[in-house]
N, C-alpha and C. Protein backbone atom coordinates (compact mmCIF):
# COMPACT_ATOMS: atom_id res chain seq x y z
N UNK A 1 0.85 -1.17 0.00
CA UNK A 1 0.00 0.00 0.00
C UNK A 1 0.90 1.24 0.00
N UNK A 2 0.55 2.21 -0.83
CA UNK A 2 1.28 3.47 -0.91
C UNK A 2 0.90 4.32 0.30
N UNK A 3 1.91 4.85 1.00
CA UNK A 3 1.67 5.69 2.17
C UNK A 3 2.17 7.10 1.88
N UNK A 4 1.26 8.07 1.94
CA UNK A 4 1.58 9.48 1.68
C UNK A 4 1.65 10.21 3.01
N UNK A 5 2.76 10.92 3.25
CA UNK A 5 2.90 11.57 4.54
C UNK A 5 3.56 12.94 4.51
N UNK A 6 3.95 13.44 3.35
CA UNK A 6 4.64 14.72 3.28
C UNK A 6 4.01 15.60 2.21
N UNK A 7 3.62 16.82 2.59
CA UNK A 7 3.14 17.78 1.59
C UNK A 7 4.36 18.42 0.93
N UNK A 8 4.30 18.53 -0.40
CA UNK A 8 5.37 19.18 -1.14
C UNK A 8 4.76 20.28 -2.01
N UNK A 9 5.57 21.28 -2.34
CA UNK A 9 5.08 22.41 -3.14
C UNK A 9 5.08 22.12 -4.63
N UNK A 10 6.02 21.28 -5.08
CA UNK A 10 6.09 20.98 -6.50
C UNK A 10 6.73 19.62 -6.71
N UNK A 11 6.55 19.10 -7.91
CA UNK A 11 7.14 17.81 -8.25
C UNK A 11 7.40 17.77 -9.76
N UNK A 12 8.44 17.07 -10.14
CA UNK A 12 8.74 16.93 -11.56
C UNK A 12 7.74 16.02 -12.24
N UNK A 13 7.31 14.96 -11.54
CA UNK A 13 6.32 14.05 -12.10
C UNK A 13 5.26 13.73 -11.06
N UNK A 14 4.06 13.54 -11.53
CA UNK A 14 2.92 13.16 -10.68
C UNK A 14 2.65 11.68 -10.93
N UNK A 15 2.71 10.89 -9.89
CA UNK A 15 2.49 9.45 -9.99
C UNK A 15 1.02 9.13 -10.25
N UNK A 16 0.13 9.84 -9.52
CA UNK A 16 -1.30 9.56 -9.64
C UNK A 16 -2.09 10.73 -9.07
N UNK A 17 -3.40 10.67 -9.27
CA UNK A 17 -4.31 11.64 -8.68
C UNK A 17 -5.23 10.94 -7.70
N UNK A 18 -5.60 11.67 -6.67
CA UNK A 18 -6.51 11.16 -5.65
C UNK A 18 -7.68 12.14 -5.54
N UNK A 19 -8.87 11.69 -5.92
CA UNK A 19 -10.07 12.53 -5.91
C UNK A 19 -10.79 12.29 -4.58
N UNK A 20 -10.96 13.39 -3.81
CA UNK A 20 -11.59 13.29 -2.49
C UNK A 20 -12.58 14.42 -2.26
N UNK A 21 -13.73 14.14 -1.64
CA UNK A 21 -14.63 15.21 -1.21
C UNK A 21 -14.01 15.95 -0.03
N UNK A 22 -14.52 17.13 0.27
CA UNK A 22 -13.94 17.96 1.33
C UNK A 22 -13.89 17.23 2.67
N UNK A 23 -14.96 16.52 3.01
CA UNK A 23 -15.02 15.83 4.30
C UNK A 23 -13.83 14.89 4.49
N UNK A 24 -13.41 14.22 3.43
CA UNK A 24 -12.27 13.30 3.52
C UNK A 24 -10.95 14.06 3.49
N UNK A 25 -10.93 15.24 2.87
CA UNK A 25 -9.69 16.03 2.82
C UNK A 25 -9.38 16.69 4.15
N UNK A 26 -10.34 16.66 5.09
CA UNK A 26 -10.12 17.19 6.44
C UNK A 26 -9.43 16.18 7.36
N UNK A 27 -9.35 14.92 6.94
CA UNK A 27 -8.80 13.86 7.78
C UNK A 27 -7.28 13.77 7.62
N UNK A 28 -6.57 13.74 8.73
CA UNK A 28 -5.12 13.59 8.66
C UNK A 28 -4.71 12.12 8.64
N UNK A 29 -5.64 11.23 8.92
CA UNK A 29 -5.43 9.78 8.85
C UNK A 29 -6.54 9.21 7.98
N UNK A 30 -6.16 8.61 6.86
CA UNK A 30 -7.17 8.18 5.90
C UNK A 30 -6.65 7.00 5.09
N UNK A 31 -7.53 6.03 4.85
CA UNK A 31 -7.22 4.92 3.95
C UNK A 31 -8.26 4.96 2.84
N UNK A 32 -7.80 5.00 1.60
CA UNK A 32 -8.69 5.11 0.46
C UNK A 32 -8.02 4.51 -0.77
N UNK A 33 -8.54 4.79 -1.95
CA UNK A 33 -7.97 4.26 -3.19
C UNK A 33 -7.76 5.37 -4.20
N UNK A 34 -6.69 5.23 -4.97
CA UNK A 34 -6.44 6.14 -6.08
C UNK A 34 -7.44 5.85 -7.19
N UNK A 35 -7.51 6.71 -8.18
CA UNK A 35 -8.43 6.48 -9.31
C UNK A 35 -8.09 5.19 -10.04
N UNK A 36 -6.83 4.73 -9.93
CA UNK A 36 -6.41 3.47 -10.55
C UNK A 36 -6.87 2.25 -9.77
N UNK A 37 -7.35 2.47 -8.53
CA UNK A 37 -7.77 1.36 -7.68
C UNK A 37 -6.74 0.98 -6.63
N UNK A 38 -5.50 1.49 -6.78
CA UNK A 38 -4.44 1.18 -5.82
C UNK A 38 -4.78 1.78 -4.45
N UNK A 39 -4.63 0.97 -3.41
CA UNK A 39 -4.90 1.45 -2.05
C UNK A 39 -3.82 2.43 -1.62
N UNK A 40 -4.25 3.42 -0.86
CA UNK A 40 -3.33 4.45 -0.38
C UNK A 40 -3.71 4.82 1.05
N UNK A 41 -2.70 5.12 1.85
CA UNK A 41 -2.91 5.60 3.21
C UNK A 41 -2.33 7.00 3.31
N UNK A 42 -3.04 7.87 4.00
CA UNK A 42 -2.56 9.24 4.21
C UNK A 42 -2.31 9.43 5.69
N UNK A 43 -1.12 9.89 6.01
CA UNK A 43 -0.73 10.23 7.38
C UNK A 43 -0.09 11.60 7.34
N UNK A 44 -0.86 12.64 7.63
CA UNK A 44 -0.33 14.01 7.66
C UNK A 44 -0.43 14.56 9.08
N UNK A 45 0.17 15.71 9.30
CA UNK A 45 0.11 16.35 10.62
C UNK A 45 -1.34 16.61 10.99
N UNK A 46 -1.66 16.39 12.25
CA UNK A 46 -3.03 16.64 12.74
C UNK A 46 -3.44 18.06 12.38
N UNK A 47 -4.69 18.20 11.93
CA UNK A 47 -5.20 19.52 11.56
C UNK A 47 -4.96 19.89 10.11
N UNK A 48 -4.21 19.07 9.38
CA UNK A 48 -3.95 19.35 7.97
C UNK A 48 -5.23 19.18 7.16
N UNK A 49 -5.53 20.17 6.35
CA UNK A 49 -6.65 20.07 5.41
C UNK A 49 -6.05 20.08 4.02
N UNK A 50 -6.36 19.07 3.25
CA UNK A 50 -5.84 18.98 1.89
C UNK A 50 -6.73 19.80 0.96
N UNK A 51 -6.09 20.59 0.13
CA UNK A 51 -6.78 21.46 -0.82
C UNK A 51 -6.58 20.94 -2.24
N UNK A 52 -7.45 21.39 -3.12
CA UNK A 52 -7.38 21.03 -4.53
C UNK A 52 -5.98 21.37 -5.06
N UNK A 53 -5.37 20.42 -5.73
CA UNK A 53 -4.03 20.52 -6.33
C UNK A 53 -2.88 20.40 -5.34
N UNK A 54 -3.15 20.13 -4.04
CA UNK A 54 -2.06 19.85 -3.12
C UNK A 54 -1.33 18.60 -3.58
N UNK A 55 -0.06 18.52 -3.23
CA UNK A 55 0.76 17.37 -3.59
C UNK A 55 1.23 16.67 -2.33
N UNK A 56 1.09 15.34 -2.30
CA UNK A 56 1.56 14.52 -1.19
C UNK A 56 2.60 13.54 -1.71
N UNK A 57 3.66 13.37 -0.92
CA UNK A 57 4.77 12.51 -1.33
C UNK A 57 4.90 11.33 -0.37
N UNK A 58 5.24 10.18 -0.93
CA UNK A 58 5.49 8.98 -0.13
C UNK A 58 6.99 8.90 0.18
N UNK A 59 7.35 8.01 1.10
CA UNK A 59 8.76 7.83 1.45
C UNK A 59 9.58 7.34 0.27
N UNK A 60 8.95 6.61 -0.66
CA UNK A 60 9.69 6.12 -1.82
C UNK A 60 9.69 7.10 -2.99
N UNK A 61 9.18 8.34 -2.76
CA UNK A 61 9.27 9.39 -3.77
C UNK A 61 8.09 9.57 -4.69
N UNK A 62 7.06 8.73 -4.58
CA UNK A 62 5.87 8.90 -5.42
C UNK A 62 5.10 10.14 -4.95
N UNK A 63 4.66 10.95 -5.92
CA UNK A 63 3.89 12.15 -5.60
C UNK A 63 2.48 11.99 -6.16
N UNK A 64 1.51 12.26 -5.29
CA UNK A 64 0.10 12.16 -5.67
C UNK A 64 -0.53 13.54 -5.57
N UNK A 65 -1.29 13.90 -6.59
CA UNK A 65 -1.99 15.18 -6.63
C UNK A 65 -3.40 14.99 -6.08
N UNK A 66 -3.78 15.85 -5.15
CA UNK A 66 -5.13 15.83 -4.59
C UNK A 66 -6.07 16.61 -5.51
N UNK A 67 -7.19 16.01 -5.83
CA UNK A 67 -8.22 16.65 -6.66
C UNK A 67 -9.49 16.74 -5.82
N UNK A 68 -10.03 17.94 -5.71
CA UNK A 68 -11.29 18.13 -4.98
C UNK A 68 -12.42 17.51 -5.81
N UNK A 69 -13.13 16.57 -5.20
CA UNK A 69 -14.25 15.92 -5.88
C UNK A 69 -15.41 16.90 -6.04
N UNK A 70 -16.18 16.71 -7.07
CA UNK A 70 -17.42 17.47 -7.19
C UNK A 70 -18.42 16.83 -6.24
N UNK A 71 -19.12 17.68 -5.49
CA UNK A 71 -20.07 17.19 -4.50
C UNK A 71 -21.31 18.07 -4.49
N UNK A 72 -22.41 17.61 -3.88
CA UNK A 72 -23.66 18.38 -3.89
C UNK A 72 -23.52 19.65 -3.05
N UNK A 73 -23.63 20.79 -3.72
CA UNK A 73 -23.50 22.08 -3.04
C UNK A 73 -24.63 23.01 -3.48
N UNK A 74 -24.73 24.11 -2.76
CA UNK A 74 -25.58 25.23 -3.17
C UNK A 74 -24.67 26.39 -3.52
N UNK A 75 -24.94 27.04 -4.65
CA UNK A 75 -24.27 28.28 -5.00
C UNK A 75 -25.25 29.40 -4.66
N UNK A 76 -24.80 30.32 -3.82
CA UNK A 76 -25.65 31.38 -3.29
C UNK A 76 -25.23 32.71 -3.92
N UNK A 77 -26.17 33.38 -4.57
CA UNK A 77 -25.91 34.71 -5.14
C UNK A 77 -27.00 35.65 -4.68
N UNK A 78 -26.69 36.94 -4.76
CA UNK A 78 -27.65 37.97 -4.34
C UNK A 78 -27.62 39.14 -5.32
N UNK A 79 -28.62 40.01 -5.20
CA UNK A 79 -28.71 41.18 -6.08
C UNK A 79 -27.68 42.24 -5.72
N UNK A 80 -27.19 42.23 -4.49
CA UNK A 80 -26.23 43.26 -4.08
C UNK A 80 -25.17 42.66 -3.17
N UNK A 81 -24.00 43.28 -3.13
CA UNK A 81 -22.95 42.83 -2.20
C UNK A 81 -23.42 42.87 -0.74
N UNK A 82 -24.25 43.85 -0.40
CA UNK A 82 -24.77 43.96 0.97
C UNK A 82 -25.61 42.73 1.32
N UNK A 83 -26.47 42.30 0.40
CA UNK A 83 -27.31 41.12 0.66
C UNK A 83 -26.46 39.85 0.77
N UNK A 84 -25.42 39.75 -0.06
CA UNK A 84 -24.52 38.59 0.02
C UNK A 84 -23.77 38.59 1.35
N UNK A 85 -23.37 39.77 1.81
CA UNK A 85 -22.70 39.88 3.10
C UNK A 85 -23.63 39.46 4.24
N UNK A 86 -24.90 39.83 4.15
CA UNK A 86 -25.88 39.40 5.15
C UNK A 86 -25.99 37.88 5.17
N UNK A 87 -26.02 37.26 4.01
CA UNK A 87 -26.08 35.80 3.94
C UNK A 87 -24.83 35.18 4.56
N UNK A 88 -23.66 35.74 4.24
CA UNK A 88 -22.41 35.24 4.82
C UNK A 88 -22.43 35.37 6.35
N UNK A 89 -22.96 36.48 6.85
CA UNK A 89 -23.07 36.67 8.30
C UNK A 89 -23.92 35.57 8.92
N UNK A 90 -25.08 35.32 8.35
CA UNK A 90 -25.99 34.32 8.92
C UNK A 90 -25.42 32.90 8.81
N UNK A 91 -24.70 32.60 7.75
CA UNK A 91 -24.04 31.29 7.64
C UNK A 91 -22.94 31.17 8.70
N UNK A 92 -22.17 32.23 8.87
CA UNK A 92 -21.12 32.23 9.88
C UNK A 92 -21.68 32.11 11.28
N UNK A 93 -22.80 32.76 11.51
CA UNK A 93 -23.44 32.71 12.82
C UNK A 93 -23.87 31.28 13.16
N UNK A 94 -24.08 30.46 12.13
CA UNK A 94 -24.46 29.06 12.32
C UNK A 94 -23.25 28.12 12.15
N UNK A 95 -22.06 28.71 12.10
CA UNK A 95 -20.81 27.95 11.98
C UNK A 95 -20.83 27.01 10.77
N UNK A 96 -21.38 27.51 9.67
CA UNK A 96 -21.49 26.73 8.45
C UNK A 96 -20.23 26.89 7.61
N UNK A 97 -19.60 25.79 7.23
CA UNK A 97 -18.44 25.88 6.36
C UNK A 97 -18.89 26.49 5.05
N UNK A 98 -18.19 27.56 4.63
CA UNK A 98 -18.62 28.34 3.48
C UNK A 98 -17.43 28.68 2.59
N UNK A 99 -17.60 28.45 1.31
CA UNK A 99 -16.62 28.88 0.32
C UNK A 99 -17.02 30.28 -0.14
N UNK A 100 -16.06 31.19 -0.16
CA UNK A 100 -16.32 32.55 -0.59
C UNK A 100 -15.71 32.73 -1.98
N UNK A 101 -16.56 33.02 -2.94
CA UNK A 101 -16.09 33.22 -4.31
C UNK A 101 -16.35 34.65 -4.75
N UNK A 102 -15.99 34.95 -5.96
CA UNK A 102 -16.20 36.28 -6.53
C UNK A 102 -17.68 36.46 -6.84
N UNK A 103 -18.42 37.10 -5.91
CA UNK A 103 -19.84 37.34 -6.10
C UNK A 103 -20.75 36.20 -5.71
N UNK A 104 -20.21 35.18 -5.02
CA UNK A 104 -21.06 34.06 -4.60
C UNK A 104 -20.51 33.42 -3.34
N UNK A 105 -21.37 32.64 -2.69
CA UNK A 105 -21.00 31.77 -1.58
C UNK A 105 -21.34 30.36 -2.00
N UNK A 106 -20.63 29.37 -1.46
CA UNK A 106 -20.97 27.98 -1.75
C UNK A 106 -20.97 27.23 -0.42
N UNK A 107 -22.02 26.41 -0.22
CA UNK A 107 -22.13 25.58 0.98
C UNK A 107 -22.58 24.18 0.58
N UNK A 108 -22.39 23.22 1.49
CA UNK A 108 -22.97 21.90 1.26
C UNK A 108 -24.49 22.03 1.29
N UNK A 109 -25.16 21.17 0.56
CA UNK A 109 -26.62 21.23 0.51
C UNK A 109 -27.22 20.92 1.87
N UNK A 110 -28.16 21.77 2.27
CA UNK A 110 -28.89 21.63 3.53
C UNK A 110 -30.20 22.39 3.35
N UNK A 111 -31.33 21.67 3.41
CA UNK A 111 -32.64 22.26 3.12
C UNK A 111 -32.98 23.41 4.07
N UNK A 112 -32.62 23.30 5.34
CA UNK A 112 -32.93 24.36 6.30
C UNK A 112 -32.15 25.63 5.96
N UNK A 113 -30.86 25.48 5.62
CA UNK A 113 -30.06 26.66 5.26
C UNK A 113 -30.56 27.27 3.95
N UNK A 114 -30.97 26.42 3.01
CA UNK A 114 -31.51 26.93 1.74
C UNK A 114 -32.73 27.81 2.00
N UNK A 115 -33.62 27.34 2.86
CA UNK A 115 -34.83 28.10 3.18
C UNK A 115 -34.47 29.44 3.85
N UNK A 116 -33.50 29.42 4.76
CA UNK A 116 -33.07 30.65 5.42
C UNK A 116 -32.50 31.64 4.40
N UNK A 117 -31.63 31.15 3.52
CA UNK A 117 -30.99 32.02 2.53
C UNK A 117 -32.01 32.61 1.56
N UNK A 118 -32.96 31.79 1.12
CA UNK A 118 -34.01 32.30 0.24
C UNK A 118 -34.86 33.33 0.97
N UNK A 119 -35.07 33.14 2.27
CA UNK A 119 -35.80 34.12 3.08
C UNK A 119 -35.06 35.45 3.18
N UNK A 120 -33.76 35.40 3.01
CA UNK A 120 -32.94 36.62 3.01
C UNK A 120 -32.87 37.24 1.61
N UNK A 121 -33.54 36.63 0.65
CA UNK A 121 -33.58 37.18 -0.71
C UNK A 121 -32.53 36.62 -1.64
N UNK A 122 -31.79 35.59 -1.21
CA UNK A 122 -30.74 35.01 -2.05
C UNK A 122 -31.32 34.07 -3.10
N UNK A 123 -30.58 33.91 -4.18
CA UNK A 123 -30.86 32.88 -5.16
C UNK A 123 -29.96 31.70 -4.81
N UNK A 124 -30.55 30.54 -4.60
CA UNK A 124 -29.81 29.35 -4.18
C UNK A 124 -29.99 28.28 -5.26
N UNK A 125 -28.87 27.90 -5.88
CA UNK A 125 -28.90 26.94 -6.99
C UNK A 125 -28.14 25.68 -6.59
N UNK A 126 -28.78 24.53 -6.80
CA UNK A 126 -28.11 23.25 -6.56
C UNK A 126 -27.09 23.03 -7.67
N UNK A 127 -25.90 22.56 -7.27
CA UNK A 127 -24.88 22.25 -8.26
C UNK A 127 -23.90 21.21 -7.72
N UNK A 128 -23.28 20.50 -8.62
CA UNK A 128 -22.17 19.60 -8.27
C UNK A 128 -20.92 20.42 -8.52
N UNK A 129 -20.15 20.68 -7.45
CA UNK A 129 -18.98 21.54 -7.58
C UNK A 129 -17.91 21.14 -6.58
N UNK A 130 -16.68 21.51 -6.88
CA UNK A 130 -15.60 21.33 -5.93
C UNK A 130 -15.84 22.29 -4.77
N UNK A 131 -15.71 21.79 -3.54
CA UNK A 131 -16.00 22.58 -2.36
C UNK A 131 -14.70 22.91 -1.64
N UNK A 132 -14.38 24.20 -1.55
CA UNK A 132 -13.17 24.70 -0.90
C UNK A 132 -13.54 25.80 0.09
N UNK A 133 -14.08 25.42 1.26
CA UNK A 133 -14.49 26.44 2.22
C UNK A 133 -13.32 27.19 2.85
N UNK A 134 -13.62 28.35 3.39
CA UNK A 134 -12.62 29.12 4.12
C UNK A 134 -12.09 28.27 5.26
N UNK A 135 -10.83 28.44 5.59
CA UNK A 135 -10.23 27.61 6.63
C UNK A 135 -10.44 28.16 8.02
N UNK A 136 -10.79 29.43 8.16
CA UNK A 136 -11.04 29.99 9.48
C UNK A 136 -9.85 30.76 10.01
N UNK A 137 -10.14 31.79 10.76
CA UNK A 137 -9.10 32.68 11.26
C UNK A 137 -8.20 32.03 12.29
N UNK A 138 -8.71 31.09 13.06
CA UNK A 138 -7.93 30.52 14.15
C UNK A 138 -7.42 29.12 13.87
N UNK A 139 -7.65 28.62 12.67
CA UNK A 139 -7.15 27.27 12.36
C UNK A 139 -5.67 27.34 12.06
N UNK A 140 -5.00 26.24 12.27
CA UNK A 140 -3.57 26.19 12.00
C UNK A 140 -3.25 26.40 10.54
N UNK A 141 -4.19 26.05 9.66
CA UNK A 141 -3.97 26.17 8.23
C UNK A 141 -4.11 27.56 7.70
N UNK A 142 -4.80 28.43 8.40
CA UNK A 142 -4.71 29.79 8.01
C UNK A 142 -5.89 30.58 7.63
N UNK A 143 -5.61 31.63 6.86
CA UNK A 143 -6.62 32.57 6.52
C UNK A 143 -6.28 33.60 5.50
N UNK A 144 -5.04 34.10 5.33
CA UNK A 144 -4.87 35.12 4.30
C UNK A 144 -4.88 34.44 2.94
N UNK A 145 -5.27 35.19 1.94
CA UNK A 145 -5.53 34.58 0.65
C UNK A 145 -4.63 35.14 -0.43
N UNK A 146 -4.37 34.30 -1.41
CA UNK A 146 -3.76 34.76 -2.63
C UNK A 146 -4.39 33.99 -3.78
N UNK A 147 -4.28 34.56 -4.95
CA UNK A 147 -4.98 34.01 -6.10
C UNK A 147 -3.96 33.35 -7.03
N UNK A 148 -4.24 32.12 -7.43
CA UNK A 148 -3.33 31.40 -8.32
C UNK A 148 -3.75 31.51 -9.79
N UNK A 149 -4.82 32.22 -10.07
CA UNK A 149 -5.28 32.30 -11.45
C UNK A 149 -6.10 31.10 -11.87
N UNK A 150 -6.45 30.22 -10.91
CA UNK A 150 -7.23 29.03 -11.25
C UNK A 150 -8.68 29.16 -10.84
N UNK A 151 -9.10 30.39 -10.47
CA UNK A 151 -10.49 30.60 -10.08
C UNK A 151 -10.74 30.32 -8.61
N UNK A 152 -9.69 29.97 -7.87
CA UNK A 152 -9.85 29.66 -6.45
C UNK A 152 -8.89 30.52 -5.63
N UNK A 153 -9.31 30.84 -4.44
CA UNK A 153 -8.44 31.52 -3.49
C UNK A 153 -7.94 30.48 -2.52
N UNK A 154 -6.71 30.63 -2.07
CA UNK A 154 -6.10 29.65 -1.18
C UNK A 154 -5.70 30.33 0.12
N UNK A 155 -5.99 29.67 1.21
CA UNK A 155 -5.74 30.25 2.53
C UNK A 155 -4.43 29.75 3.11
N UNK A 156 -3.66 30.66 3.70
CA UNK A 156 -2.41 30.33 4.37
C UNK A 156 -2.17 31.34 5.48
N UNK A 157 -1.96 30.88 6.70
CA UNK A 157 -1.67 31.77 7.83
C UNK A 157 -2.91 32.43 8.38
N UNK A 158 -2.82 32.98 9.60
CA UNK A 158 -4.00 33.60 10.22
C UNK A 158 -4.45 34.86 9.48
N UNK A 159 -5.76 35.14 9.56
CA UNK A 159 -6.29 36.35 8.94
C UNK A 159 -5.72 37.59 9.58
N UNK A 160 -5.56 37.56 10.88
CA UNK A 160 -5.05 38.70 11.63
C UNK A 160 -4.28 38.16 12.81
N UNK A 161 -3.36 38.98 13.36
CA UNK A 161 -2.64 38.52 14.55
C UNK A 161 -3.63 38.17 15.65
N UNK A 162 -3.36 37.08 16.33
CA UNK A 162 -4.23 36.64 17.41
C UNK A 162 -3.57 37.04 18.72
N UNK A 163 -4.14 38.03 19.43
CA UNK A 163 -3.51 38.48 20.67
C UNK A 163 -3.54 37.40 21.73
N UNK A 164 -2.43 37.27 22.46
CA UNK A 164 -2.37 36.28 23.54
C UNK A 164 -3.31 36.70 24.67
N UNK A 165 -3.36 37.98 24.95
CA UNK A 165 -4.26 38.49 25.99
C UNK A 165 -4.91 39.75 25.44
N UNK A 166 -6.20 39.81 25.55
CA UNK A 166 -6.92 40.96 25.03
C UNK A 166 -7.99 41.36 26.03
N UNK A 167 -8.02 42.65 26.37
CA UNK A 167 -9.02 43.16 27.28
C UNK A 167 -10.31 43.36 26.50
N UNK A 168 -11.39 42.84 27.05
CA UNK A 168 -12.71 43.01 26.43
C UNK A 168 -13.43 44.11 27.18
N UNK A 169 -13.83 45.14 26.47
CA UNK A 169 -14.53 46.26 27.09
C UNK A 169 -16.02 46.05 27.02
N UNK A 170 -16.65 46.17 28.17
CA UNK A 170 -18.10 45.99 28.25
C UNK A 170 -18.73 47.30 28.70
N UNK A 171 -19.98 47.53 28.32
CA UNK A 171 -20.66 48.76 28.74
C UNK A 171 -20.71 48.90 30.26
N UNK A 172 -20.68 47.79 30.98
CA UNK A 172 -20.77 47.85 32.43
C UNK A 172 -19.45 48.20 33.11
N UNK A 173 -18.34 48.27 32.31
CA UNK A 173 -17.05 48.63 32.89
C UNK A 173 -17.11 50.06 33.43
N UNK A 174 -16.52 50.27 34.58
CA UNK A 174 -16.50 51.60 35.19
C UNK A 174 -15.18 52.27 34.87
N UNK A 175 -15.27 53.52 34.41
CA UNK A 175 -14.06 54.29 34.12
C UNK A 175 -13.50 54.79 35.44
N UNK A 176 -12.30 54.37 35.80
CA UNK A 176 -11.71 54.74 37.10
C UNK A 176 -10.90 56.02 37.02
N UNK A 177 -10.89 56.71 35.89
CA UNK A 177 -10.10 57.94 35.72
C UNK A 177 -10.92 59.19 36.05
N UNK A 178 -12.02 59.06 36.72
CA UNK A 178 -12.87 60.22 36.99
C UNK A 178 -12.28 61.06 38.08
């Protein structure tokens, strides 16, 4: 069995491709099969999320390219950026994994969320698409984005510095400088 355990940035040759839905790309320990049928095991650092076009290398030098599988999603669009932002807020408030695209949001299909989004005035279209949700500001995998020209944004590093200690100001705080 081929064992993949190291992420690499580039390779001269690609041994095979591994097509995985997002849910499986979140696992740092995984046993599955390549498109050829060959069994493969993945052992990456805990918290590693594999993204479309990531490369994994085995100890014997074989490099496998990760391909994001097409899966049942909703593409969410709105008449205005403000309305799309409202939809993103409500999805975030429900801790829904969300892909942010140019003028759209994408989520896994969920009838309750579809009804909520349509209630907010969004157009929600069912589609089979590669799902690449935001990684989150506090995840080890990151948050700032850059564009590779492939229609996708890729997250790396935190969105903003995370303070070790931060004072939270509440309306009930008393100003002692009087």
